Amino acid sequence: MLGIIGGTGLTQLANLTVIKRQIVRTPYGEPSAPLVFGEVGGREVVFLARHGGGHTIPPNAVNYRANLWALQFEGVTHVLAVATVGGIHPDLGPGRIALPDQIIDYTHGRKTSFHDGQELPVRHIDFTEPYSSQMRDLIRQAAAEAGEPLFEGGVYATAPGPRLETAAEINRMERDGAAMVGMTGMPEAALARELDIEYAAICPVANHAAGRGSSLHGINYDDIGTVLTGAMVRVRRILEKAVMLHGN
């Protein structure tokens, strides 16, 4: 079954016909929100709002372990995660949609593994390629069918949040090879890998990262809202196509 994790700007799927909402209890605490079971074009899908239904949970406080565990417990084997980012690469301006292929984790203090010595034996996952090639291919094909261009590849830098970054921090990330910066990419991707969930992220760009482009001297939050409203319409088109393709 296919699961969709929605981030900033996507707390619900407008094109989802809801069948039921399920509260899932997990060994790792409460997920961000009830799982929403439904259909898109007659195809079954499960939706989870990463930051809660009212977008009240900041990135550093998301219970990533509970979220992924709950999805797998309810039969989800494949996940498309929507993760809003700031653009570092010159071609990643506001409104673009990126399909990252790598991650750098700058976070700290998050629960990064199910294998923490309490219940499960240690498992050293292979994380050379952090995103599922199968799911990236699905997003790529869905975007093509929806007529929505993608920025192919690029390193997703995961910042701690919830504050945005300084220009100097973005400079460092750029030197490290990052093309975009967000706050939720990790440990979500690694936890999915531990559970053998096929996982990939689709990343709408909300703004230029600090010190870049229109964010040279500061980030305009009013502009972010306007950009995300338009970008999420396009993301939903891609997701709808992806659900249909995954059901084939």
Protein backbone atom coordinates (compact mmCIF):
# COMPACT_ATOMS: atom_id res chain seq x y z
CA MET A 1 0.00 0.00 0.00
CA LEU A 2 1.10 3.54 -0.75
CA GLY A 3 1.45 6.16 1.98
CA ILE A 4 1.84 9.91 1.58
CA ILE A 5 3.43 12.07 4.28
CA GLY A 6 2.44 15.70 3.93
CA GLY A 7 4.59 18.52 5.25
CA THR A 8 4.35 22.31 5.40
CA GLY A 9 1.63 23.45 3.02
CA LEU A 10 0.10 19.98 2.68
CA THR A 11 -1.84 19.00 5.79
CA GLN A 12 -4.54 17.30 3.72
CA LEU A 13 -5.14 15.98 0.23
CA ALA A 14 -7.95 17.84 -1.52
CA ASN A 15 -8.38 15.03 -4.06
CA LEU A 16 -8.57 12.28 -1.42
CA THR A 17 -11.91 10.53 -0.88
CA VAL A 18 -11.74 9.72 2.83
CA ILE A 19 -12.85 6.25 3.91
CA LYS A 20 -11.76 6.33 7.56
CA ARG A 21 -9.40 7.94 10.06
CA GLN A 22 -7.40 5.61 12.28
CA ILE A 23 -5.62 6.46 15.54
CA VAL A 24 -2.64 4.13 15.86
CA ARG A 25 -0.89 3.40 19.17
CA THR A 26 2.80 2.64 18.77
CA PRO A 27 5.65 1.50 21.04
CA TYR A 28 7.27 4.87 20.29
CA GLY A 29 4.45 7.17 21.34
CA GLU A 30 1.80 9.03 19.38
CA PRO A 31 2.06 9.72 15.64
CA SER A 32 1.64 13.30 14.50
CA ALA A 33 -2.01 12.72 13.54
CA PRO A 34 -4.51 9.97 12.83
CA LEU A 35 -3.86 8.07 9.61
CA VAL A 36 -6.33 9.02 6.89
CA PHE A 37 -7.34 6.08 4.69
CA GLY A 38 -8.90 6.91 1.38
CA GLU A 39 -8.86 6.70 -2.38
CA VAL A 40 -7.49 8.87 -5.16
CA GLY A 41 -9.07 7.98 -8.47
CA GLY A 42 -10.21 4.69 -7.00
CA ARG A 43 -6.72 3.77 -5.79
CA GLU A 44 -6.13 3.13 -2.09
CA VAL A 45 -3.74 5.44 -0.23
CA VAL A 46 -2.94 6.39 3.36
CA PHE A 47 -2.18 10.01 4.27
CA LEU A 48 -0.36 11.33 7.35
CA ALA A 49 0.13 15.00 8.22
CA ARG A 50 3.73 15.15 9.52
CA HIS A 51 3.16 18.34 11.54
CA GLY A 52 -0.34 17.44 12.74
CA GLY A 53 -3.66 18.44 11.28
CA GLY A 54 -3.27 22.02 12.46
CA HIS A 55 0.45 22.22 11.61
CA THR A 56 1.34 22.61 15.29
CA ILE A 57 4.31 20.23 15.58
CA PRO A 58 7.69 21.79 14.71
CA PRO A 59 10.23 19.71 12.74
CA ASN A 60 12.45 19.06 15.77
CA ALA A 61 9.49 17.71 17.77
CA VAL A 62 7.95 15.40 15.15
CA ASN A 63 7.76 11.80 16.39
CA TYR A 64 9.29 10.33 13.24
CA ARG A 65 9.55 6.85 14.72
CA ALA A 66 5.86 6.70 15.65
CA ASN A 67 4.86 8.05 12.24
CA LEU A 68 6.80 5.45 10.24
CA TRP A 69 5.95 2.59 12.59
CA ALA A 70 2.22 3.41 12.39
CA LEU A 71 2.28 3.50 8.59
CA GLN A 72 4.03 0.14 8.36
CA PHE A 73 1.74 -1.38 11.01
CA GLU A 74 -1.26 -0.45 8.86
CA GLY A 75 0.23 -2.08 5.78
CA VAL A 76 2.09 0.76 4.06
CA THR A 77 5.07 -0.52 2.06
CA HIS A 78 5.83 2.55 -0.08
CA VAL A 79 5.97 6.20 0.98
CA LEU A 80 5.99 9.48 -0.93
CA ALA A 81 7.04 12.27 1.42
CA VAL A 82 6.38 15.93 0.64
CA ALA A 83 9.08 18.08 2.23
CA THR A 84 9.21 21.84 1.68
CA VAL A 85 12.70 23.27 1.21
CA GLY A 86 14.68 26.43 0.67
CA GLY A 87 16.65 26.59 -2.55
CA ILE A 88 20.44 26.77 -2.36
CA HIS A 89 21.24 25.81 -5.95
CA PRO A 90 20.86 28.77 -8.35
CA ASP A 91 18.25 26.84 -10.35
CA LEU A 92 16.10 26.10 -7.30
CA GLY A 93 14.11 29.28 -7.05
CA PRO A 94 10.74 29.65 -5.30
CA GLY A 95 8.07 27.46 -6.87
CA ARG A 96 10.39 24.82 -8.33
CA ILE A 97 9.84 21.18 -7.40
CA ALA A 98 12.91 19.08 -6.63
CA LEU A 99 13.51 15.33 -6.55
CA PRO A 100 16.58 14.92 -4.31
CA ASP A 101 18.86 11.90 -4.53
CA GLN A 102 21.10 12.41 -1.48
CA ILE A 103 20.95 13.69 2.11
CA ILE A 104 23.29 15.36 4.59
CA ASP A 105 22.06 15.30 8.19
CA TYR A 106 22.91 18.36 10.31
CA THR A 107 20.30 17.62 12.98
CA HIS A 108 21.01 16.65 16.58
CA GLY A 109 19.05 15.21 19.48
CA ARG A 110 16.45 13.40 17.38
CA LYS A 111 15.53 9.72 17.77
CA THR A 112 17.30 8.44 14.68
CA SER A 113 16.78 4.67 14.91
CA PHE A 114 14.38 1.99 16.05
CA HIS A 115 17.46 0.00 17.07
CA ASP A 116 18.45 1.97 20.16
CA GLY A 117 19.36 -0.95 22.41
CA GLN A 118 16.03 -1.10 24.19
CA GLU A 119 13.88 -3.55 22.24
CA LEU A 120 15.49 -4.47 18.94
CA PRO A 121 19.02 -5.67 18.13
CA VAL A 122 21.29 -3.23 16.32
CA ARG A 123 20.86 -3.09 12.56
CA HIS A 124 23.36 -1.22 10.40
CA ILE A 125 21.35 -0.31 7.30
CA ASP A 126 23.00 0.47 3.98
CA PHE A 127 22.27 4.15 3.35
CA THR A 128 24.55 4.76 0.38
CA GLU A 129 21.51 5.70 -1.70
CA PRO A 130 19.07 7.12 0.87
CA TYR A 131 16.06 7.32 -1.44
CA SER A 132 14.34 4.42 -3.16
CA SER A 133 15.14 4.35 -6.88
CA GLN A 134 11.75 2.73 -7.46
CA MET A 135 9.90 5.59 -5.80
CA ARG A 136 12.03 8.24 -7.46
CA ASP A 137 11.19 6.67 -10.82
CA LEU A 138 7.51 6.77 -9.86
CA ILE A 139 7.68 10.48 -9.02
CA ARG A 140 9.60 11.18 -12.21
CA GLN A 141 7.01 9.39 -14.34
CA ALA A 142 4.10 10.98 -12.48
CA ALA A 143 5.54 14.47 -12.97
CA ALA A 144 6.02 13.82 -16.68
CA GLU A 145 2.42 12.67 -17.06
CA ALA A 146 1.19 15.67 -15.07
CA GLY A 147 3.27 18.01 -17.24
CA GLU A 148 5.17 19.31 -14.21
CA PRO A 149 8.94 19.86 -14.58
CA LEU A 150 11.26 18.55 -11.85
CA PHE A 151 14.71 19.58 -10.71
CA GLU A 152 16.41 16.18 -10.95
CA GLY A 153 18.75 15.12 -8.17
CA GLY A 154 20.52 17.24 -5.62
CA VAL A 155 21.54 16.92 -1.99
CA TYR A 156 18.93 17.63 0.68
CA ALA A 157 20.55 19.23 3.74
CA THR A 158 18.51 18.55 6.89
CA ALA A 159 18.76 21.48 9.32
CA PRO A 160 17.71 21.18 12.98
CA GLY A 161 14.97 23.85 12.91
CA PRO A 162 12.58 25.21 13.79
CA ARG A 163 14.41 28.48 13.10
CA LEU A 164 15.61 29.16 9.60
CA GLU A 165 19.32 29.14 8.84
CA THR A 166 21.89 31.93 8.84
CA ALA A 167 23.53 32.94 5.58
CA ALA A 168 26.81 31.52 6.91
CA GLU A 169 25.16 28.15 7.60
CA ILE A 170 23.81 28.07 4.06
CA ASN A 171 27.29 28.91 2.75
CA ARG A 172 28.64 25.93 4.66
CA MET A 173 25.93 23.65 3.30
CA GLU A 174 26.65 24.83 -0.22
CA ARG A 175 30.35 24.05 0.26
CA ASP A 176 29.29 20.59 1.44
CA GLY A 177 27.41 20.10 -1.82
CA ALA A 178 23.82 20.76 -0.73
CA ALA A 179 21.32 21.96 -3.32
CA MET A 180 18.41 22.52 -0.93
CA VAL A 181 17.72 22.78 2.78
CA GLY A 182 14.81 21.49 4.83
CA MET A 183 14.10 20.35 8.37
CA THR A 184 12.31 17.00 8.05
CA GLY A 185 14.39 14.86 5.68
CA MET A 186 16.09 13.05 8.56
CA PRO A 187 15.61 10.80 10.39
CA GLU A 188 12.47 10.10 8.35
CA ALA A 189 14.32 8.59 5.39
CA ALA A 190 16.59 6.43 7.57
CA LEU A 191 13.71 5.14 9.67
CA ALA A 192 11.85 4.16 6.52
CA ARG A 193 14.93 2.22 5.39
CA GLU A 194 15.09 0.41 8.75
CA LEU A 195 11.50 -0.73 8.20
CA ASP A 196 12.21 -1.72 4.56
CA ILE A 197 9.75 0.89 3.33
CA GLU A 198 10.41 2.16 -0.20
CA TYR A 199 10.70 5.90 0.42
CA ALA A 200 11.37 9.03 -1.62
CA ALA A 201 10.79 12.75 -1.19
CA ILE A 202 9.30 15.38 -3.45
CA CYS A 203 10.40 18.87 -2.44
CA PRO A 204 8.59 22.09 -3.39
CA VAL A 205 10.86 25.13 -3.00
CA ALA A 206 9.25 27.77 -0.79
CA ASN A 207 11.99 30.39 -0.90
CA HIS A 208 15.60 31.10 -1.70
CA ALA A 209 17.75 29.94 1.21
CA ALA A 210 19.23 32.62 3.49
CA GLY A 211 21.66 34.92 1.72
CA ARG A 212 20.51 33.82 -1.73
CA GLY A 213 18.39 35.57 -4.36
CA SER A 214 15.32 37.27 -2.92
CA SER A 215 16.42 36.14 0.57
CA LEU A 216 19.73 38.01 0.36
CA HIS A 217 18.99 40.15 3.43
CA GLY A 218 16.04 38.28 4.93
CA ILE A 219 13.21 35.86 4.16
CA ASN A 220 9.74 37.24 3.43
CA TYR A 221 7.13 34.97 5.03
CA ASP A 222 4.27 36.55 3.09
CA ASP A 223 5.98 35.50 -0.14
CA ILE A 224 6.44 31.94 1.16
CA GLY A 225 2.71 31.51 1.69
CA THR A 226 1.90 32.70 -1.81
CA VAL A 227 4.56 30.50 -3.40
CA LEU A 228 3.50 27.39 -1.49
CA THR A 229 -0.15 27.82 -2.41
CA GLY A 230 0.76 27.60 -6.08
CA ALA A 231 3.41 24.93 -5.68
CA MET A 232 1.14 22.60 -3.72
CA VAL A 233 -1.44 22.64 -6.48
CA ARG A 234 1.24 21.23 -8.76
CA VAL A 235 2.49 18.79 -6.13
CA ARG A 236 -1.04 17.43 -5.74
CA ARG A 237 -1.22 16.83 -9.49
CA ILE A 238 2.00 14.82 -9.30
CA LEU A 239 0.79 12.87 -6.28
CA GLU A 240 -2.50 12.01 -7.97
CA LYS A 241 -0.66 10.66 -10.99
CA ALA A 242 1.76 8.77 -8.71
CA VAL A 243 -1.10 7.06 -6.88
CA MET A 244 -2.64 5.98 -10.15
CA LEU A 245 0.67 4.68 -11.51
CA HIS A 246 1.51 2.86 -8.28
CA GLY A 247 -1.78 0.99 -8.46
CA ASN A 248 -1.00 -0.40 -11.91
